[in-house]
All heavy atoms as atom14 arrays in JSON, in Angstrom:
{
  "sequence": "HPDISGWTPAATAAPHPQPMSCRHYADAAERHLDAGLK",
  "atom14_mask": [
    [1, 1, 1, 1, 1, 1, 1, 1, 1, 1, 0, 0, 0, 0],
    [1, 1, 1, 1, 1, 1, 1, 0, 0, 0, 0, 0, 0, 0],
    [1, 1, 1, 1, 1, 1, 1, 1, 0, 0, 0, 0, 0, 0],
    [1, 1, 1, 1, 1, 1, 1, 1, 0, 0, 0, 0, 0, 0],
    [1, 1, 1, 1, 1, 1, 0, 0, 0, 0, 0, 0, 0, 0],
    [1, 1, 1, 1, 0, 0, 0, 0, 0, 0, 0, 0, 0, 0],
    [1, 1, 1, 1, 1, 1, 1, 1, 1, 1, 1, 1, 1, 1],
    [1, 1, 1, 1, 1, 1, 1, 0, 0, 0, 0, 0, 0, 0],
    [1, 1, 1, 1, 1, 1, 1, 0, 0, 0, 0, 0, 0, 0],
    [1, 1, 1, 1, 1, 0, 0, 0, 0, 0, 0, 0, 0, 0],
    [1, 1, 1, 1, 1, 0, 0, 0, 0, 0, 0, 0, 0, 0],
    [1, 1, 1, 1, 1, 1, 1, 0, 0, 0, 0, 0, 0, 0],
    [1, 1, 1, 1, 1, 0, 0, 0, 0, 0, 0, 0, 0, 0],
    [1, 1, 1, 1, 1, 0, 0, 0, 0, 0, 0, 0, 0, 0],
    [1, 1, 1, 1, 1, 1, 1, 0, 0, 0, 0, 0, 0, 0],
    [1, 1, 1, 1, 1, 1, 1, 1, 1, 1, 0, 0, 0, 0],
    [1, 1, 1, 1, 1, 1, 1, 0, 0, 0, 0, 0, 0, 0],
    [1, 1, 1, 1, 1, 1, 1, 1, 1, 0, 0, 0, 0, 0],
    [1, 1, 1, 1, 1, 1, 1, 0, 0, 0, 0, 0, 0, 0],
    [1, 1, 1, 1, 1, 1, 1, 1, 0, 0, 0, 0, 0, 0],
    [1, 1, 1, 1, 1, 1, 0, 0, 0, 0, 0, 0, 0, 0],
    [1, 1, 1, 1, 1, 1, 0, 0, 0, 0, 0, 0, 0, 0],
    [1, 1, 1, 1, 1, 1, 1, 1, 1, 1, 1, 0, 0, 0],
    [1, 1, 1, 1, 1, 1, 1, 1, 1, 1, 0, 0, 0, 0],
    [1, 1, 1, 1, 1, 1, 1, 1, 1, 1, 1, 1, 0, 0],
    [1, 1, 1, 1, 1, 0, 0, 0, 0, 0, 0, 0, 0, 0],
    [1, 1, 1, 1, 1, 1, 1, 1, 0, 0, 0, 0, 0, 0],
    [1, 1, 1, 1, 1, 0, 0, 0, 0, 0, 0, 0, 0, 0],
    [1, 1, 1, 1, 1, 0, 0, 0, 0, 0, 0, 0, 0, 0],
    [1, 1, 1, 1, 1, 1, 1, 1, 1, 0, 0, 0, 0, 0],
    [1, 1, 1, 1, 1, 1, 1, 1, 1, 1, 1, 0, 0, 0],
    [1, 1, 1, 1, 1, 1, 1, 1, 1, 1, 0, 0, 0, 0],
    [1, 1, 1, 1, 1, 1, 1, 1, 0, 0, 0, 0, 0, 0],
    [1, 1, 1, 1, 1, 1, 1, 1, 0, 0, 0, 0, 0, 0],
    [1, 1, 1, 1, 1, 0, 0, 0, 0, 0, 0, 0, 0, 0],
    [1, 1, 1, 1, 0, 0, 0, 0, 0, 0, 0, 0, 0, 0],
    [1, 1, 1, 1, 1, 1, 1, 1, 0, 0, 0, 0, 0, 0],
    [1, 1, 1, 1, 1, 1, 1, 1, 1, 0, 0, 0, 0, 0]
  ],
  "atom14_positions": [
    [[1.65, -2.49, -8.44], [0.3, -1.92, -8.45], [0.36, -0.68, -7.57], [0.47, -0.77, -6.34], [-0.72, -2.93, -7.91], [-0.88, -4.13, -8.78], [-1.71, -4.17, -9.87], [-0.28, -5.35, -8.73], [-1.63, -5.36, -10.46], [-0.76, -6.09, -9.78], [0.0, 0.0, 0.0], [0.0, 0.0, 0.0], [0.0, 0.0, 0.0], [0.0, 0.0, 0.0]],
    [[0.32, 0.51, -8.17], [0.62, 1.73, -7.42], [-0.3, 2.0, -6.25], [0.15, 2.54, -5.22], [0.51, 2.84, -8.48], [-0.32, 2.24, -9.59], [0.0, 0.79, -9.58], [0.0, 0.0, 0.0], [0.0, 0.0, 0.0], [0.0, 0.0, 0.0], [0.0, 0.0, 0.0], [0.0, 0.0, 0.0], [0.0, 0.0, 0.0], [0.0, 0.0, 0.0]],
    [[-1.58, 1.63, -6.36], [-2.51, 1.92, -5.28], [-2.15, 1.19, -3.99], [-2.47, 1.67, -2.9], [-3.93, 1.55, -5.7], [-4.07, 0.09, -6.11], [-3.28, -0.36, -6.97], [-4.96, -0.6, -5.59], [0.0, 0.0, 0.0], [0.0, 0.0, 0.0], [0.0, 0.0, 0.0], [0.0, 0.0, 0.0], [0.0, 0.0, 0.0], [0.0, 0.0, 0.0]],
    [[-1.44, 0.06, -4.09], [-1.08, -0.7, -2.91], [-0.14, 0.08, -2.01], [-0.13, -0.1, -0.79], [-0.44, -2.04, -3.32], [-1.43, -2.88, -4.13], [0.05, -2.84, -2.11], [-2.72, -3.2, -3.4], [0.0, 0.0, 0.0], [0.0, 0.0, 0.0], [0.0, 0.0, 0.0], [0.0, 0.0, 0.0], [0.0, 0.0, 0.0], [0.0, 0.0, 0.0]],
    [[0.66, 0.97, -2.58], [1.6, 1.76, -1.78], [1.2, 3.23, -1.69], [2.04, 4.11, -1.45], [3.02, 1.63, -2.34], [3.04, 1.86, -3.75], [0.0, 0.0, 0.0], [0.0, 0.0, 0.0], [0.0, 0.0, 0.0], [0.0, 0.0, 0.0], [0.0, 0.0, 0.0], [0.0, 0.0, 0.0], [0.0, 0.0, 0.0], [0.0, 0.0, 0.0]],
    [[-0.09, 3.51, -1.88], [-0.6, 4.85, -1.61], [-0.56, 5.81, -2.78], [-0.78, 7.01, -2.59], [0.0, 0.0, 0.0], [0.0, 0.0, 0.0], [0.0, 0.0, 0.0], [0.0, 0.0, 0.0], [0.0, 0.0, 0.0], [0.0, 0.0, 0.0], [0.0, 0.0, 0.0], [0.0, 0.0, 0.0], [0.0, 0.0, 0.0], [0.0, 0.0, 0.0]],
    [[-0.31, 5.31, -3.98], [-0.25, 6.18, -5.14], [-1.6, 6.24, -5.86], [-2.33, 5.26, -5.93], [0.8, 5.68, -6.13], [2.21, 5.85, -5.64], [2.91, 4.98, -4.87], [3.07, 6.96, -5.88], [4.16, 5.47, -4.62], [4.29, 6.68, -5.22], [2.93, 8.16, -6.58], [5.37, 7.57, -5.25], [4.0, 9.04, -6.61], [5.21, 8.75, -5.96]],
    [[-1.89, 7.42, -6.43], [-3.05, 7.62, -7.29], [-2.57, 8.32, -8.55], [-2.66, 9.55, -8.68], [-4.14, 8.46, -6.59], [-4.43, 7.89, -5.31], [-5.42, 8.51, -7.42], [0.0, 0.0, 0.0], [0.0, 0.0, 0.0], [0.0, 0.0, 0.0], [0.0, 0.0, 0.0], [0.0, 0.0, 0.0], [0.0, 0.0, 0.0], [0.0, 0.0, 0.0]],
    [[-1.99, 7.57, -9.51], [-1.35, 8.2, -10.67], [-2.26, 9.1, -11.48], [-1.78, 10.04, -12.12], [-0.9, 6.99, -11.5], [-0.68, 5.91, -10.5], [-1.78, 6.11, -9.49], [0.0, 0.0, 0.0], [0.0, 0.0, 0.0], [0.0, 0.0, 0.0], [0.0, 0.0, 0.0], [0.0, 0.0, 0.0], [0.0, 0.0, 0.0], [0.0, 0.0, 0.0]],
    [[-3.56, 8.85, -11.46], [-4.47, 9.7, -12.23], [-4.6, 11.1, -11.63], [-5.01, 12.04, -12.32], [-5.84, 9.05, -12.33], [0.0, 0.0, 0.0], [0.0, 0.0, 0.0], [0.0, 0.0, 0.0], [0.0, 0.0, 0.0], [0.0, 0.0, 0.0], [0.0, 0.0, 0.0], [0.0, 0.0, 0.0], [0.0, 0.0, 0.0], [0.0, 0.0, 0.0]],
    [[-4.26, 11.26, -10.36], [-4.34, 12.57, -9.71], [-3.03, 13.31, -9.97], [-2.12, 13.33, -9.13], [-4.58, 12.4, -8.21], [0.0, 0.0, 0.0], [0.0, 0.0, 0.0], [0.0, 0.0, 0.0], [0.0, 0.0, 0.0], [0.0, 0.0, 0.0], [0.0, 0.0, 0.0], [0.0, 0.0, 0.0], [0.0, 0.0, 0.0], [0.0, 0.0, 0.0]],
    [[-2.92, 13.9, -11.14], [-1.64, 14.45, -11.59], [-1.11, 15.56, -10.69], [0.09, 15.75, -10.57], [-1.75, 14.98, -13.02], [-2.86, 15.9, -13.09], [-2.0, 13.84, -14.0], [0.0, 0.0, 0.0], [0.0, 0.0, 0.0], [0.0, 0.0, 0.0], [0.0, 0.0, 0.0], [0.0, 0.0, 0.0], [0.0, 0.0, 0.0], [0.0, 0.0, 0.0]],
    [[-2.0, 16.31, -10.04], [-1.54, 17.39, -9.18], [-0.92, 16.85, -7.89], [0.01, 17.45, -7.33], [-2.7, 18.33, -8.84], [0.0, 0.0, 0.0], [0.0, 0.0, 0.0], [0.0, 0.0, 0.0], [0.0, 0.0, 0.0], [0.0, 0.0, 0.0], [0.0, 0.0, 0.0], [0.0, 0.0, 0.0], [0.0, 0.0, 0.0], [0.0, 0.0, 0.0]],
    [[-1.42, 15.72, -7.41], [-0.91, 15.12, -6.17], [-1.04, 13.61, -6.28], [-1.94, 13.0, -5.7], [-1.69, 15.64, -4.97], [0.0, 0.0, 0.0], [0.0, 0.0, 0.0], [0.0, 0.0, 0.0], [0.0, 0.0, 0.0], [0.0, 0.0, 0.0], [0.0, 0.0, 0.0], [0.0, 0.0, 0.0], [0.0, 0.0, 0.0], [0.0, 0.0, 0.0]],
    [[-0.11, 12.97, -7.03], [-0.26, 11.54, -7.29], [0.08, 10.63, -6.11], [-0.12, 9.43, -6.19], [0.72, 11.29, -8.44], [1.75, 12.36, -8.27], [1.03, 13.55, -7.75], [0.0, 0.0, 0.0], [0.0, 0.0, 0.0], [0.0, 0.0, 0.0], [0.0, 0.0, 0.0], [0.0, 0.0, 0.0], [0.0, 0.0, 0.0], [0.0, 0.0, 0.0]],
    [[0.6, 11.19, -5.03], [1.0, 10.36, -3.88], [0.36, 10.88, -2.6], [1.03, 11.34, -1.68], [2.53, 10.38, -3.76], [3.08, 9.23, -2.97], [4.34, 9.22, -2.47], [2.54, 8.03, -2.59], [4.58, 8.09, -1.82], [3.49, 7.37, -1.88], [0.0, 0.0, 0.0], [0.0, 0.0, 0.0], [0.0, 0.0, 0.0], [0.0, 0.0, 0.0]],
    [[-0.98, 10.77, -2.5], [-1.68, 11.38, -1.37], [-1.5, 10.63, -0.06], [-1.68, 11.21, 1.02], [-3.15, 11.34, -1.81], [-3.22, 10.18, -2.75], [-1.9, 10.16, -3.46], [0.0, 0.0, 0.0], [0.0, 0.0, 0.0], [0.0, 0.0, 0.0], [0.0, 0.0, 0.0], [0.0, 0.0, 0.0], [0.0, 0.0, 0.0], [0.0, 0.0, 0.0]],
    [[-1.17, 9.33, -0.11], [-1.06, 8.53, 1.11], [0.25, 7.74, 1.11], [0.27, 6.54, 0.87], [-2.25, 7.57, 1.23], [-3.59, 8.28, 1.37], [-4.74, 7.31, 1.45], [-4.8, 6.33, 0.72], [-5.66, 7.57, 2.36], [0.0, 0.0, 0.0], [0.0, 0.0, 0.0], [0.0, 0.0, 0.0], [0.0, 0.0, 0.0], [0.0, 0.0, 0.0]],
    [[1.37, 8.41, 1.36], [2.67, 7.73, 1.33], [2.71, 6.57, 2.32], [2.13, 6.61, 3.39], [3.65, 8.83, 1.74], [2.95, 10.11, 1.42], [1.5, 9.84, 1.68], [0.0, 0.0, 0.0], [0.0, 0.0, 0.0], [0.0, 0.0, 0.0], [0.0, 0.0, 0.0], [0.0, 0.0, 0.0], [0.0, 0.0, 0.0], [0.0, 0.0, 0.0]],
    [[3.4, 5.5, 1.92], [3.54, 4.32, 2.75], [5.02, 3.96, 2.85], [5.75, 4.07, 1.86], [2.75, 3.17, 2.14], [2.79, 1.87, 2.93], [1.94, 0.5, 2.07], [0.24, 1.09, 2.11], [0.0, 0.0, 0.0], [0.0, 0.0, 0.0], [0.0, 0.0, 0.0], [0.0, 0.0, 0.0], [0.0, 0.0, 0.0], [0.0, 0.0, 0.0]],
    [[5.44, 3.5, 3.99], [6.81, 3.05, 4.16], [6.94, 1.58, 3.79], [5.95, 0.84, 3.72], [7.26, 3.25, 5.61], [6.56, 2.34, 6.47], [0.0, 0.0, 0.0], [0.0, 0.0, 0.0], [0.0, 0.0, 0.0], [0.0, 0.0, 0.0], [0.0, 0.0, 0.0], [0.0, 0.0, 0.0], [0.0, 0.0, 0.0], [0.0, 0.0, 0.0]],
    [[8.17, 1.13, 3.56], [8.41, -0.29, 3.28], [7.97, -1.15, 4.46], [7.42, -2.24, 4.28], [9.88, -0.52, 2.97], [10.38, 0.0, 1.31], [0.0, 0.0, 0.0], [0.0, 0.0, 0.0], [0.0, 0.0, 0.0], [0.0, 0.0, 0.0], [0.0, 0.0, 0.0], [0.0, 0.0, 0.0], [0.0, 0.0, 0.0], [0.0, 0.0, 0.0]],
    [[8.23, -0.68, 5.67], [7.83, -1.44, 6.85], [6.31, -1.59, 6.91], [5.78, -2.67, 7.18], [8.35, -0.78, 8.12], [7.89, -1.46, 9.41], [8.59, -0.9, 10.62], [9.98, -1.28, 10.63], [10.44, -2.45, 11.09], [9.59, -3.36, 11.55], [11.71, -2.72, 11.07], [0.0, 0.0, 0.0], [0.0, 0.0, 0.0], [0.0, 0.0, 0.0]],
    [[5.59, -0.5, 6.66], [4.14, -0.54, 6.66], [3.63, -1.53, 5.61], [2.71, -2.32, 5.86], [3.58, 0.87, 6.4], [2.1, 0.96, 6.42], [1.41, 2.12, 6.13], [1.14, 0.03, 6.69], [0.11, 1.9, 6.2], [-0.09, 0.65, 6.54], [0.0, 0.0, 0.0], [0.0, 0.0, 0.0], [0.0, 0.0, 0.0], [0.0, 0.0, 0.0]],
    [[4.24, -1.48, 4.45], [3.85, -2.36, 3.35], [4.03, -3.83, 3.74], [3.13, -4.66, 3.55], [4.69, -2.01, 2.12], [4.43, -2.84, 0.87], [3.14, -3.15, 0.46], [5.5, -3.27, 0.09], [2.91, -3.89, -0.7], [5.28, -4.0, -1.08], [3.99, -4.3, -1.46], [3.77, -5.03, -2.6], [0.0, 0.0, 0.0], [0.0, 0.0, 0.0]],
    [[5.18, -4.16, 4.31], [5.45, -5.54, 4.73], [4.52, -5.98, 5.85], [4.02, -7.11, 5.87], [6.9, -5.68, 5.15], [0.0, 0.0, 0.0], [0.0, 0.0, 0.0], [0.0, 0.0, 0.0], [0.0, 0.0, 0.0], [0.0, 0.0, 0.0], [0.0, 0.0, 0.0], [0.0, 0.0, 0.0], [0.0, 0.0, 0.0], [0.0, 0.0, 0.0]],
    [[4.29, -5.09, 6.81], [3.42, -5.44, 7.95], [2.0, -5.74, 7.47], [1.37, -6.71, 7.91], [3.39, -4.3, 8.96], [4.69, -4.16, 9.74], [5.53, -5.08, 9.66], [4.88, -3.13, 10.42], [0.0, 0.0, 0.0], [0.0, 0.0, 0.0], [0.0, 0.0, 0.0], [0.0, 0.0, 0.0], [0.0, 0.0, 0.0], [0.0, 0.0, 0.0]],
    [[1.48, -4.89, 6.57], [0.12, -5.09, 6.06], [0.04, -6.4, 5.26], [-0.94, -7.15, 5.39], [-0.28, -3.91, 5.18], [0.0, 0.0, 0.0], [0.0, 0.0, 0.0], [0.0, 0.0, 0.0], [0.0, 0.0, 0.0], [0.0, 0.0, 0.0], [0.0, 0.0, 0.0], [0.0, 0.0, 0.0], [0.0, 0.0, 0.0], [0.0, 0.0, 0.0]],
    [[1.06, -6.68, 4.46], [1.06, -7.92, 3.67], [1.12, -9.15, 4.57], [0.45, -10.16, 4.3], [2.24, -7.91, 2.71], [0.0, 0.0, 0.0], [0.0, 0.0, 0.0], [0.0, 0.0, 0.0], [0.0, 0.0, 0.0], [0.0, 0.0, 0.0], [0.0, 0.0, 0.0], [0.0, 0.0, 0.0], [0.0, 0.0, 0.0], [0.0, 0.0, 0.0]],
    [[1.88, -9.06, 5.66], [1.96, -10.21, 6.56], [0.63, -10.45, 7.27], [0.24, -11.61, 7.48], [3.09, -10.02, 7.57], [3.36, -11.27, 8.4], [4.75, -11.33, 8.97], [5.31, -10.26, 9.27], [5.28, -12.44, 9.12], [0.0, 0.0, 0.0], [0.0, 0.0, 0.0], [0.0, 0.0, 0.0], [0.0, 0.0, 0.0], [0.0, 0.0, 0.0]],
    [[-0.07, -9.4, 7.61], [-1.39, -9.57, 8.21], [-2.34, -10.28, 7.24], [-3.12, -11.16, 7.64], [-1.96, -8.22, 8.65], [-1.28, -7.62, 9.87], [-2.08, -6.46, 10.44], [-2.19, -5.35, 9.53], [-1.31, -4.34, 9.47], [-0.26, -4.34, 10.28], [-1.48, -3.34, 8.62], [0.0, 0.0, 0.0], [0.0, 0.0, 0.0], [0.0, 0.0, 0.0]],
    [[-2.29, -9.88, 5.96], [-3.14, -10.53, 4.96], [-2.75, -11.99, 4.78], [-3.63, -12.86, 4.63], [-3.03, -9.78, 3.63], [-3.87, -8.55, 3.55], [-3.38, -7.3, 3.8], [-5.19, -8.38, 3.26], [-4.34, -6.4, 3.66], [-5.46, -7.03, 3.35], [0.0, 0.0, 0.0], [0.0, 0.0, 0.0], [0.0, 0.0, 0.0], [0.0, 0.0, 0.0]],
    [[-1.46, -12.28, 4.8], [-1.03, -13.67, 4.67], [-1.52, -14.49, 5.86], [-2.03, -15.6, 5.68], [0.5, -13.74, 4.59], [1.04, -15.14, 4.35], [0.92, -15.52, 2.88], [2.5, -15.26, 4.81], [0.0, 0.0, 0.0], [0.0, 0.0, 0.0], [0.0, 0.0, 0.0], [0.0, 0.0, 0.0], [0.0, 0.0, 0.0], [0.0, 0.0, 0.0]],
    [[-1.4, -13.95, 7.06], [-1.86, -14.66, 8.25], [-3.37, -14.93, 8.18], [-3.84, -16.01, 8.57], [-1.53, -13.86, 9.51], [-0.04, -13.87, 9.82], [0.66, -14.79, 9.36], [0.41, -12.95, 10.53], [0.0, 0.0, 0.0], [0.0, 0.0, 0.0], [0.0, 0.0, 0.0], [0.0, 0.0, 0.0], [0.0, 0.0, 0.0], [0.0, 0.0, 0.0]],
    [[-4.12, -13.95, 7.68], [-5.57, -14.14, 7.56], [-5.88, -15.24, 6.54], [-6.77, -16.07, 6.76], [-6.23, -12.83, 7.13], [0.0, 0.0, 0.0], [0.0, 0.0, 0.0], [0.0, 0.0, 0.0], [0.0, 0.0, 0.0], [0.0, 0.0, 0.0], [0.0, 0.0, 0.0], [0.0, 0.0, 0.0], [0.0, 0.0, 0.0], [0.0, 0.0, 0.0]],
    [[-5.12, -15.27, 5.43], [-5.33, -16.32, 4.44], [-4.98, -17.7, 4.98], [-5.68, -18.68, 4.72], [0.0, 0.0, 0.0], [0.0, 0.0, 0.0], [0.0, 0.0, 0.0], [0.0, 0.0, 0.0], [0.0, 0.0, 0.0], [0.0, 0.0, 0.0], [0.0, 0.0, 0.0], [0.0, 0.0, 0.0], [0.0, 0.0, 0.0], [0.0, 0.0, 0.0]],
    [[-3.9, -17.78, 5.75], [-3.52, -19.05, 6.36], [-4.59, -19.54, 7.33], [-4.92, -20.73, 7.37], [-2.19, -18.88, 7.1], [-0.93, -18.88, 6.23], [0.26, -18.38, 7.03], [-0.66, -20.27, 5.68], [0.0, 0.0, 0.0], [0.0, 0.0, 0.0], [0.0, 0.0, 0.0], [0.0, 0.0, 0.0], [0.0, 0.0, 0.0], [0.0, 0.0, 0.0]],
    [[-5.14, -18.62, 8.1], [-6.18, -18.98, 9.06], [-7.39, -19.58, 8.34], [-7.94, -20.62, 8.76], [-6.59, -17.76, 9.87], [-7.66, -18.06, 10.92], [-8.02, -16.79, 11.69], [-9.13, -17.08, 12.71], [-9.52, -15.85, 13.46], [0.0, 0.0, 0.0], [0.0, 0.0, 0.0], [0.0, 0.0, 0.0], [0.0, 0.0, 0.0], [0.0, 0.0, 0.0]]
  ]
}
């Protein structure tokens, strides 16, 4: 799902306005998992 990693494919002039690193992606997902567990 491109929006999860900062992509906006419909914006053809600049489809990647908010680049995300793999570390950032994993950290954010772990926070969501912890919230769900709680």
